[in-house]
Amino acid sequence: MKIMNFSLMPYRHLDIPESHKHRSAWVVLPNTFYDPEKGANEYESFINLLAESEDLGFDGIGVNEHHQTAYGMMPAPNLIASALIQRTKKVKIAILGRALPLVNNPINIAEEFAMLDNLSRGRIICGFVRGIGAEYHASGVNPAFSHDRFHEAHDLIVKAWTTPGPFPWEGEHYNLNYVNLWPRVYQTPHPPIWIPSQGSIETIEWAAVPERRYPFLITFSARDSVIRNLTAYREQTKKYGYEADESQLGWAAPVYVADTEERAKEEARAGLESLFNDYLTLPVEMLLPPGYTSAASMKKMMGARAGIGMERQSLEKLIALGTVVVGTPKSVLEQIEQVREKTRFGTFVSMLQFGTLPDELARRNTELFAAEVMPELRKR
C-alpha cells in the first residue's frame, strides 16, 4: 500500500464566529478576514509539516487547488509543490488536484507540470479535477461546460506532453495555432494522472477506460460510500474487460491517532468539527450550481457527502459514518482495514492536519501515525 500525507492548508486564524455572519467561508467571505502576516506564518508551518513527511517514511505528500476561501490557501498549488521540491529529495509530490475547466489555456497547466516534473526529476503526480461548484462562482466559468472543458483540456494536455510540437489544436473550447511544449515532461510518457472524486458516475466511467486506467481517489465521503464507489470503479473495469489493479483505487480521509480513544477524540474534536462545520459550509447552490453535474450523479454525490457542508456534523457522527478515522493506532488500523478488506484499495491519502488543528497536535499525530499505523498497513 502507498501512503501519503495530504494538506488543505486552511487559514487557521479565521474568526469563526464572525465568519458565520456570511453565507459561506467560500467566495463571499470578505478577504479582510485574512491577515497577511499570520498567513505567511501559516504557509511556513504547513510546508514544514509536509516536508517532514519524507523522513517519516511517507510515499508521497499532497496539496491541492481551491480559490477564494479560508478552507484552503492554495489557489496556485504549483507554487507550494515547487517549494516542497526544494525541501525534499525522494518523496512523491502529488497535486490533488488541478481544476482543468477553470483555465482559458490548458497549456499553462501542461507547462506548470512539465516544469515541476523536471525540477523534481520525475517525482510529480498530477491530480486532475473539475473543481467543486464554488470554484465556478469564483472563476466565472459556466458550470454547464464543466465536463466538456475538463475532457478537452485533459486531451490537449496529454497530447502536448506526448506529441512532438509544434502542432495546432482545434477544439470546441480551446483553439491554438501552436502547441509546442517547452520544457518537455521528465517522466515517460508523462507524469501519473490521478482522478480525485466524490463518486460522480461519469467520472468513474471515464477514468476506468482501458486506455486511461487512471487511479480513482474517493475523497471526503462516508465509509459506505467509499466502499460503494471503489466497488463501482472495480466493476466498471470488468465491464471494460480488465481487472482493476490495487494501485487504481484510493481513499482520502482525515485521520487522528492518540494513545487512547478518549484522548484522540478530545484532541481531534475542535479541528475536525471546524473543518466540516465552519470551513466546509456551502449553500447547495454554491456547492452544486445548475449544470455542474447530471441529476443521477448529483443524488449520488449528495448521499456520499452525508450532509457535509449543509448541516452541522458532530465528531461522533463523523466517526460513526466513517468520514473520519479517529482512535488509537490499533483502532485506526482496524477502521482503515475495514475498507481495505472490502475494496482492496492500494493508496491511502491521510489528512493529518485539518481545520484549526495546531502544529503541535498535527506533528504528534503525523509521527504516531507514521510510527505505529503506517508500518502495519504496509505489512498487510
Protein backbone atom coordinates (compact mmCIF):
# COMPACT_ATOMS: atom_id res chain seq x y z
CA MET A 1 0.00 0.00 0.00
CA LYS A 2 1.17 3.53 -0.83
CA ILE A 3 0.55 6.11 1.90
CA MET A 4 0.51 9.87 1.50
CA ASN A 5 0.29 12.90 3.79
CA PHE A 6 -2.09 15.50 2.39
CA SER A 7 -2.82 19.06 3.50
CA LEU A 8 -5.52 21.58 2.60
CA MET A 9 -3.57 24.44 4.24
CA PRO A 10 -6.60 26.13 5.84
CA TYR A 11 -6.41 29.63 7.29
CA ARG A 12 -6.47 28.65 10.97
CA HIS A 13 -6.68 32.23 12.26
CA LEU A 14 -10.18 32.65 10.84
CA ASP A 15 -12.56 34.50 13.20
CA ILE A 16 -15.13 31.72 13.07
CA PRO A 17 -17.99 33.42 14.96
CA GLU A 18 -17.71 36.49 12.72
CA SER A 19 -17.41 34.34 9.59
CA HIS A 20 -20.83 32.82 10.38
CA LYS A 21 -22.39 36.18 9.59
CA HIS A 22 -21.66 35.37 5.95
CA ARG A 23 -23.20 32.61 3.84
CA SER A 24 -20.01 30.63 3.49
CA ALA A 25 -16.24 30.58 4.03
CA TRP A 26 -16.05 30.34 0.23
CA VAL A 27 -16.30 33.10 -2.39
CA VAL A 28 -18.40 35.56 -0.35
CA LEU A 29 -16.29 35.73 2.83
CA PRO A 30 -14.58 39.17 2.75
CA ASN A 31 -10.81 38.92 2.37
CA THR A 32 -10.45 41.39 5.25
CA PHE A 33 -10.64 38.26 7.43
CA TYR A 34 -7.15 37.39 6.14
CA ASP A 35 -4.11 38.79 7.93
CA PRO A 36 -1.06 38.57 5.60
CA GLU A 37 1.42 38.32 8.48
CA LYS A 38 -0.45 35.40 10.03
CA GLY A 39 -1.00 33.88 6.61
CA ALA A 40 2.70 33.98 5.81
CA ASN A 41 3.40 32.13 9.06
CA GLU A 42 0.76 29.57 8.15
CA TYR A 43 2.38 28.81 4.80
CA GLU A 44 5.72 28.27 6.52
CA SER A 45 4.17 25.95 9.11
CA PHE A 46 2.27 23.86 6.58
CA ILE A 47 5.26 23.47 4.27
CA ASN A 48 7.40 22.38 7.24
CA LEU A 49 4.82 19.78 8.28
CA LEU A 50 4.63 18.31 4.79
CA ALA A 51 8.39 18.35 4.18
CA GLU A 52 8.95 16.38 7.39
CA SER A 53 6.88 13.56 5.92
CA GLU A 54 9.82 12.38 3.82
CA ASP A 55 11.95 11.47 6.86
CA LEU A 56 8.92 9.80 8.46
CA GLY A 57 8.66 7.38 5.53
CA PHE A 58 5.58 8.54 3.64
CA ASP A 59 5.48 7.61 -0.03
CA GLY A 60 4.13 10.99 -1.03
CA ILE A 61 2.87 14.38 0.08
CA GLY A 62 -0.20 16.02 -1.38
CA VAL A 63 -1.51 19.53 -1.98
CA ASN A 64 -4.45 20.86 -3.99
CA GLU A 65 -6.22 23.84 -5.53
CA HIS A 66 -9.05 25.99 -4.18
CA HIS A 67 -10.00 29.60 -4.82
CA GLN A 68 -11.30 32.48 -2.71
CA THR A 69 -11.74 30.50 0.51
CA ALA A 70 -10.35 30.13 4.02
CA TYR A 71 -10.77 26.37 3.58
CA GLY A 72 -7.52 26.04 1.63
CA MET A 73 -4.89 28.71 0.90
CA MET A 74 -3.63 27.18 -2.34
CA PRO A 75 -5.09 28.92 -5.39
CA ALA A 76 -1.74 28.09 -7.07
CA PRO A 77 -0.72 24.61 -5.81
CA ASN A 78 2.16 24.51 -8.27
CA LEU A 79 3.91 27.14 -6.13
CA ILE A 80 3.59 25.00 -2.99
CA ALA A 81 4.76 21.95 -4.95
CA SER A 82 7.81 23.89 -6.12
CA ALA A 83 8.69 24.82 -2.53
CA LEU A 84 8.30 21.18 -1.46
CA ILE A 85 10.55 20.00 -4.29
CA GLN A 86 13.35 22.13 -2.85
CA ARG A 87 12.76 20.78 0.67
CA THR A 88 12.70 17.06 -0.24
CA LYS A 89 14.75 14.53 -2.22
CA LYS A 90 12.79 11.32 -2.82
CA VAL A 91 9.16 11.61 -1.76
CA LYS A 92 6.48 11.89 -4.47
CA ILE A 93 4.65 15.21 -4.68
CA ALA A 94 1.00 14.95 -5.71
CA ILE A 95 -1.08 17.94 -6.75
CA LEU A 96 -4.56 16.57 -5.97
CA GLY A 97 -5.78 18.27 -7.96
CA ARG A 98 -5.59 20.92 -10.60
CA ALA A 99 -9.01 22.17 -11.79
CA LEU A 100 -8.78 21.94 -15.58
CA PRO A 101 -12.04 23.65 -16.65
CA LEU A 102 -11.20 26.86 -14.79
CA VAL A 103 -8.35 27.93 -17.09
CA ASN A 104 -8.66 29.55 -20.52
CA ASN A 105 -5.49 27.89 -21.83
CA PRO A 106 -4.78 24.34 -20.59
CA ILE A 107 -1.25 24.58 -22.00
CA ASN A 108 -0.44 26.75 -18.99
CA ILE A 109 -1.16 23.74 -16.77
CA ALA A 110 0.79 21.42 -19.08
CA GLU A 111 3.78 23.76 -18.79
CA GLU A 112 3.49 24.05 -14.99
CA PHE A 113 3.54 20.29 -14.52
CA ALA A 114 6.35 19.86 -17.04
CA MET A 115 8.48 22.35 -15.12
CA LEU A 116 7.69 20.67 -11.78
CA ASP A 117 8.43 17.26 -13.27
CA ASN A 118 11.86 18.48 -14.36
CA LEU A 119 12.61 20.32 -11.11
CA SER A 120 11.75 17.18 -9.12
CA ARG A 121 13.38 14.79 -11.60
CA GLY A 122 10.19 12.81 -12.03
CA ARG A 123 8.54 12.97 -8.60
CA ILE A 124 5.32 14.70 -9.67
CA ILE A 125 1.84 13.11 -9.63
CA CYS A 126 -0.94 15.06 -11.37
CA GLY A 127 -4.44 15.08 -9.94
CA PHE A 128 -6.96 16.35 -12.48
CA VAL A 129 -10.33 17.58 -11.21
CA ARG A 130 -13.23 19.71 -12.39
CA GLY A 131 -13.21 21.76 -9.19
CA ILE A 132 -16.18 21.87 -6.81
CA GLY A 133 -19.16 24.05 -7.63
CA ALA A 134 -17.93 27.04 -5.64
CA GLU A 135 -14.90 27.33 -7.94
CA TYR A 136 -17.23 28.22 -10.81
CA HIS A 137 -18.65 31.14 -8.85
CA ALA A 138 -15.09 32.28 -8.13
CA SER A 139 -13.87 31.92 -11.72
CA GLY A 140 -16.95 32.92 -13.72
CA VAL A 141 -16.74 29.76 -15.85
CA ASN A 142 -20.14 28.38 -16.87
CA PRO A 143 -20.60 25.11 -14.88
CA ALA A 144 -22.70 23.67 -17.71
CA PHE A 145 -19.49 23.35 -19.73
CA SER A 146 -17.54 21.77 -16.87
CA HIS A 147 -17.42 18.20 -18.19
CA ASP A 148 -16.71 19.21 -21.78
CA ARG A 149 -13.96 21.65 -20.81
CA PHE A 150 -12.40 19.08 -18.48
CA HIS A 151 -12.27 16.36 -21.12
CA GLU A 152 -10.92 18.62 -23.84
CA ALA A 153 -8.34 20.20 -21.53
CA HIS A 154 -7.20 16.74 -20.45
CA ASP A 155 -6.83 15.55 -24.05
CA LEU A 156 -4.91 18.67 -25.00
CA ILE A 157 -2.53 18.42 -22.03
CA VAL A 158 -1.77 14.74 -22.60
CA LYS A 159 -1.17 15.33 -26.30
CA ALA A 160 1.11 18.27 -25.50
CA TRP A 161 3.11 16.03 -23.15
CA THR A 162 3.42 13.13 -25.58
CA THR A 163 3.43 14.56 -29.12
CA PRO A 164 6.35 16.42 -30.70
CA GLY A 165 5.46 20.02 -31.48
CA PRO A 166 4.57 22.33 -32.85
CA PHE A 167 1.08 21.21 -33.81
CA PRO A 168 -2.31 23.00 -33.96
CA TRP A 169 -5.31 22.29 -31.73
CA GLU A 170 -8.84 22.99 -32.85
CA GLY A 171 -11.47 22.10 -30.29
CA GLU A 172 -14.84 23.20 -29.00
CA HIS A 173 -13.43 25.25 -26.13
CA TYR A 174 -9.73 25.74 -26.92
CA ASN A 175 -8.08 26.74 -30.20
CA LEU A 176 -4.34 27.12 -30.59
CA ASN A 177 -2.22 27.54 -33.69
CA TYR A 178 0.92 26.32 -31.95
CA VAL A 179 1.25 23.69 -29.24
CA ASN A 180 4.95 23.20 -28.63
CA LEU A 181 5.73 22.40 -25.02
CA TRP A 182 8.96 23.76 -23.54
CA PRO A 183 10.13 22.13 -21.31
CA ARG A 184 9.04 18.60 -22.09
CA VAL A 185 7.97 16.37 -19.20
CA TYR A 186 10.66 14.39 -17.37
CA GLN A 187 8.65 11.16 -16.87
CA THR A 188 7.81 8.86 -19.77
CA PRO A 189 5.30 9.07 -21.32
CA HIS A 190 4.09 11.70 -18.81
CA PRO A 191 3.56 12.15 -15.04
CA PRO A 192 0.97 9.80 -13.49
CA ILE A 193 -2.57 11.16 -13.61
CA TRP A 194 -4.93 10.53 -10.68
CA ILE A 195 -8.63 11.41 -10.54
CA PRO A 196 -9.86 12.57 -7.10
CA SER A 197 -13.67 12.47 -6.91
CA GLN A 198 -16.69 12.16 -4.68
CA GLY A 199 -18.20 9.47 -6.83
CA SER A 200 -19.61 11.00 -10.00
CA ILE A 201 -20.89 8.21 -12.25
CA GLU A 202 -19.44 9.93 -15.32
CA THR A 203 -16.04 10.30 -13.65
CA ILE A 204 -15.85 6.62 -12.73
CA GLU A 205 -16.74 5.54 -16.27
CA TRP A 206 -14.26 7.98 -17.82
CA ALA A 207 -11.31 7.24 -15.50
CA ALA A 208 -11.66 3.46 -15.85
CA VAL A 209 -11.49 3.38 -19.68
CA PRO A 210 -8.72 0.89 -20.65
CA GLU A 211 -6.52 3.43 -22.42
CA ARG A 212 -6.52 5.59 -19.28
CA ARG A 213 -6.84 3.28 -16.24
CA TYR A 214 -6.40 6.33 -14.03
CA PRO A 215 -6.24 5.81 -10.26
CA PHE A 216 -9.61 6.81 -8.77
CA LEU A 217 -9.34 8.53 -5.38
CA ILE A 218 -12.55 8.87 -3.37
CA THR A 219 -12.49 11.87 -1.01
CA PHE A 220 -14.46 13.27 1.94
CA SER A 221 -17.07 10.52 1.92
CA ALA A 222 -18.75 8.25 4.44
CA ARG A 223 -17.31 4.73 4.76
CA ASP A 224 -20.25 3.04 2.99
CA SER A 225 -19.95 5.47 0.11
CA VAL A 226 -16.19 4.87 -0.16
CA ILE A 227 -16.79 1.13 -0.39
CA ARG A 228 -19.66 1.58 -2.86
CA ASN A 229 -17.72 3.90 -5.17
CA LEU A 230 -14.48 1.92 -5.18
CA THR A 231 -16.53 -1.21 -5.87
CA ALA A 232 -18.31 0.62 -8.70
CA TYR A 233 -14.94 1.53 -10.22
CA ARG A 234 -13.76 -2.07 -9.98
CA GLU A 235 -16.99 -3.31 -11.57
CA GLN A 236 -16.65 -0.73 -14.33
CA THR A 237 -13.19 -2.01 -15.21
CA LYS A 238 -14.64 -5.51 -15.53
CA LYS A 239 -17.22 -4.17 -17.98
CA TYR A 240 -14.29 -2.79 -19.97
CA GLY A 241 -12.71 -6.24 -19.99
CA TYR A 242 -9.94 -5.98 -17.41
CA GLU A 243 -9.39 -6.30 -13.65
CA ALA A 244 -8.52 -3.12 -11.74
CA ASP A 245 -5.11 -3.12 -10.10
CA GLU A 246 -4.95 -2.10 -6.44
CA SER A 247 -2.96 0.97 -7.49
CA GLN A 248 -6.07 2.23 -9.33
CA LEU A 249 -8.09 2.50 -6.12
CA GLY A 250 -7.53 5.10 -3.42
CA TRP A 251 -9.19 6.60 -0.36
CA ALA A 252 -8.52 10.00 1.21
CA ALA A 253 -9.66 10.78 4.76
CA PRO A 254 -8.81 12.90 7.82
CA VAL A 255 -7.01 10.81 10.46
CA TYR A 256 -6.15 11.41 14.09
CA VAL A 257 -4.20 8.99 16.30
CA ALA A 258 -3.51 9.11 20.05
CA ASP A 259 -2.61 6.65 22.79
CA THR A 260 -6.24 6.37 23.99
CA GLU A 261 -9.62 6.70 22.28
CA GLU A 262 -10.63 9.47 24.68
CA ARG A 263 -7.52 11.50 24.05
CA ALA A 264 -7.82 11.07 20.29
CA LYS A 265 -11.38 12.41 20.33
CA GLU A 266 -10.56 15.22 22.72
CA GLU A 267 -7.60 16.45 20.68
CA ALA A 268 -9.20 15.99 17.25
CA ARG A 269 -12.66 17.39 18.03
CA ALA A 270 -12.08 21.12 17.51
CA GLY A 271 -10.06 20.62 14.33
CA LEU A 272 -12.44 18.17 12.70
CA GLU A 273 -15.63 19.95 13.69
CA SER A 274 -14.23 23.25 12.45
CA LEU A 275 -13.25 21.64 9.14
CA PHE A 276 -16.69 20.22 8.43
CA ASN A 277 -18.87 22.88 10.07
CA ASP A 278 -17.01 26.15 9.58
CA TYR A 279 -14.62 25.84 6.65
CA LEU A 280 -16.68 23.48 4.51
CA THR A 281 -20.13 25.05 4.84
CA LEU A 282 -21.58 25.71 1.40
CA PRO A 283 -25.14 26.62 0.33
CA VAL A 284 -26.40 23.99 -2.07
CA GLU A 285 -26.48 26.47 -4.97
CA MET A 286 -22.80 27.17 -4.37
CA LEU A 287 -21.86 23.50 -3.96
CA LEU A 288 -23.84 22.22 -6.95
CA PRO A 289 -24.63 25.08 -9.37
CA PRO A 290 -27.09 24.31 -12.21
CA GLY A 291 -25.48 22.31 -15.00
CA TYR A 292 -22.46 21.26 -12.93
CA THR A 293 -23.39 17.57 -12.89
CA SER A 294 -26.12 15.17 -14.01
CA ALA A 295 -29.19 14.54 -11.84
CA ALA A 296 -28.09 10.95 -11.20
CA SER A 297 -24.60 11.98 -10.14
CA MET A 298 -25.97 14.79 -8.00
CA LYS A 299 -28.08 12.34 -5.99
CA LYS A 300 -25.11 10.01 -5.63
CA MET A 301 -22.76 12.79 -4.51
CA MET A 302 -25.27 14.16 -2.01
CA GLY A 303 -25.50 10.69 -0.50
CA ALA A 304 -21.73 10.37 -0.38
CA ARG A 305 -21.37 13.65 1.48
CA ALA A 306 -23.95 12.62 4.12
CA GLY A 307 -24.85 16.24 4.79
CA ILE A 308 -21.27 17.55 4.74
CA GLY A 309 -21.32 21.25 4.00
CA MET A 310 -25.06 21.60 4.56
CA GLU A 311 -25.67 20.56 8.17
CA ARG A 312 -23.61 20.52 11.34
CA GLN A 313 -21.51 17.42 11.90
CA SER A 314 -20.50 16.30 15.38
CA LEU A 315 -17.29 14.36 15.81
CA GLU A 316 -19.32 11.37 16.94
CA LYS A 317 -21.39 11.45 13.74
CA LEU A 318 -18.30 11.81 11.55
CA ILE A 319 -16.69 8.81 13.27
CA ALA A 320 -19.87 6.72 13.08
CA LEU A 321 -20.23 7.43 9.37
CA GLY A 322 -16.56 6.67 8.78
CA THR A 323 -15.97 10.06 7.18
CA VAL A 324 -13.03 10.49 9.55
CA VAL A 325 -10.69 7.94 11.16
CA VAL A 326 -10.00 8.65 14.83
CA GLY A 327 -8.67 6.49 17.67
CA THR A 328 -5.69 4.53 18.95
CA PRO A 329 -3.17 3.10 16.48
CA LYS A 330 -4.94 -0.25 16.75
CA SER A 331 -8.45 1.09 16.16
CA VAL A 332 -7.33 3.42 13.36
CA LEU A 333 -5.68 0.47 11.65
CA GLU A 334 -8.87 -1.56 12.06
CA GLN A 335 -11.01 1.23 10.58
CA ILE A 336 -8.78 1.51 7.52
CA GLU A 337 -8.58 -2.26 7.15
CA GLN A 338 -12.37 -2.49 7.25
CA VAL A 339 -12.48 -0.58 3.98
CA ARG A 340 -9.36 -2.22 2.60
CA GLU A 341 -10.81 -5.73 3.02
CA LYS A 342 -13.93 -4.84 1.06
CA THR A 343 -12.29 -2.84 -1.74
CA ARG A 344 -8.60 -3.85 -1.93
CA PHE A 345 -7.63 -0.20 -2.43
CA GLY A 346 -3.89 0.36 -2.80
CA THR A 347 -3.42 4.05 -1.94
CA PHE A 348 -4.35 5.76 1.32
CA VAL A 349 -4.18 9.55 1.46
CA SER A 350 -4.16 10.63 5.09
CA MET A 351 -5.03 14.18 6.11
CA LEU A 352 -3.16 14.57 9.40
CA GLN A 353 -3.68 18.31 9.83
CA PHE A 354 -7.24 19.59 9.43
CA GLY A 355 -9.26 22.66 10.31
CA THR A 356 -7.92 24.56 13.30
CA LEU A 357 -5.69 21.69 14.50
CA PRO A 358 -2.47 23.36 15.73
CA ASP A 359 1.04 22.41 14.62
CA GLU A 360 1.90 20.65 17.89
CA LEU A 361 -1.01 18.21 17.61
CA ALA A 362 -0.64 17.81 13.85
CA ARG A 363 3.03 16.92 14.25
CA ARG A 364 2.36 14.46 17.07
CA ASN A 365 -0.48 12.91 15.07
CA THR A 366 1.72 12.53 11.98
CA GLU A 367 4.61 11.00 13.90
CA LEU A 368 2.40 8.48 15.72
CA PHE A 369 0.60 7.51 12.51
CA ALA A 370 3.94 7.04 10.73
CA ALA A 371 5.44 5.02 13.58
CA GLU A 372 2.57 2.73 14.55
CA VAL A 373 -0.07 2.66 11.80
CA MET A 374 1.82 3.03 8.55
CA PRO A 375 4.15 0.02 9.02
CA GLU A 376 1.20 -2.24 9.82
CA LEU A 377 -0.73 -1.05 6.78
CA ARG A 378 2.22 -1.89 4.58
CA LYS A 379 2.60 -5.36 6.11
CA ARG A 380 -1.00 -6.21 5.35
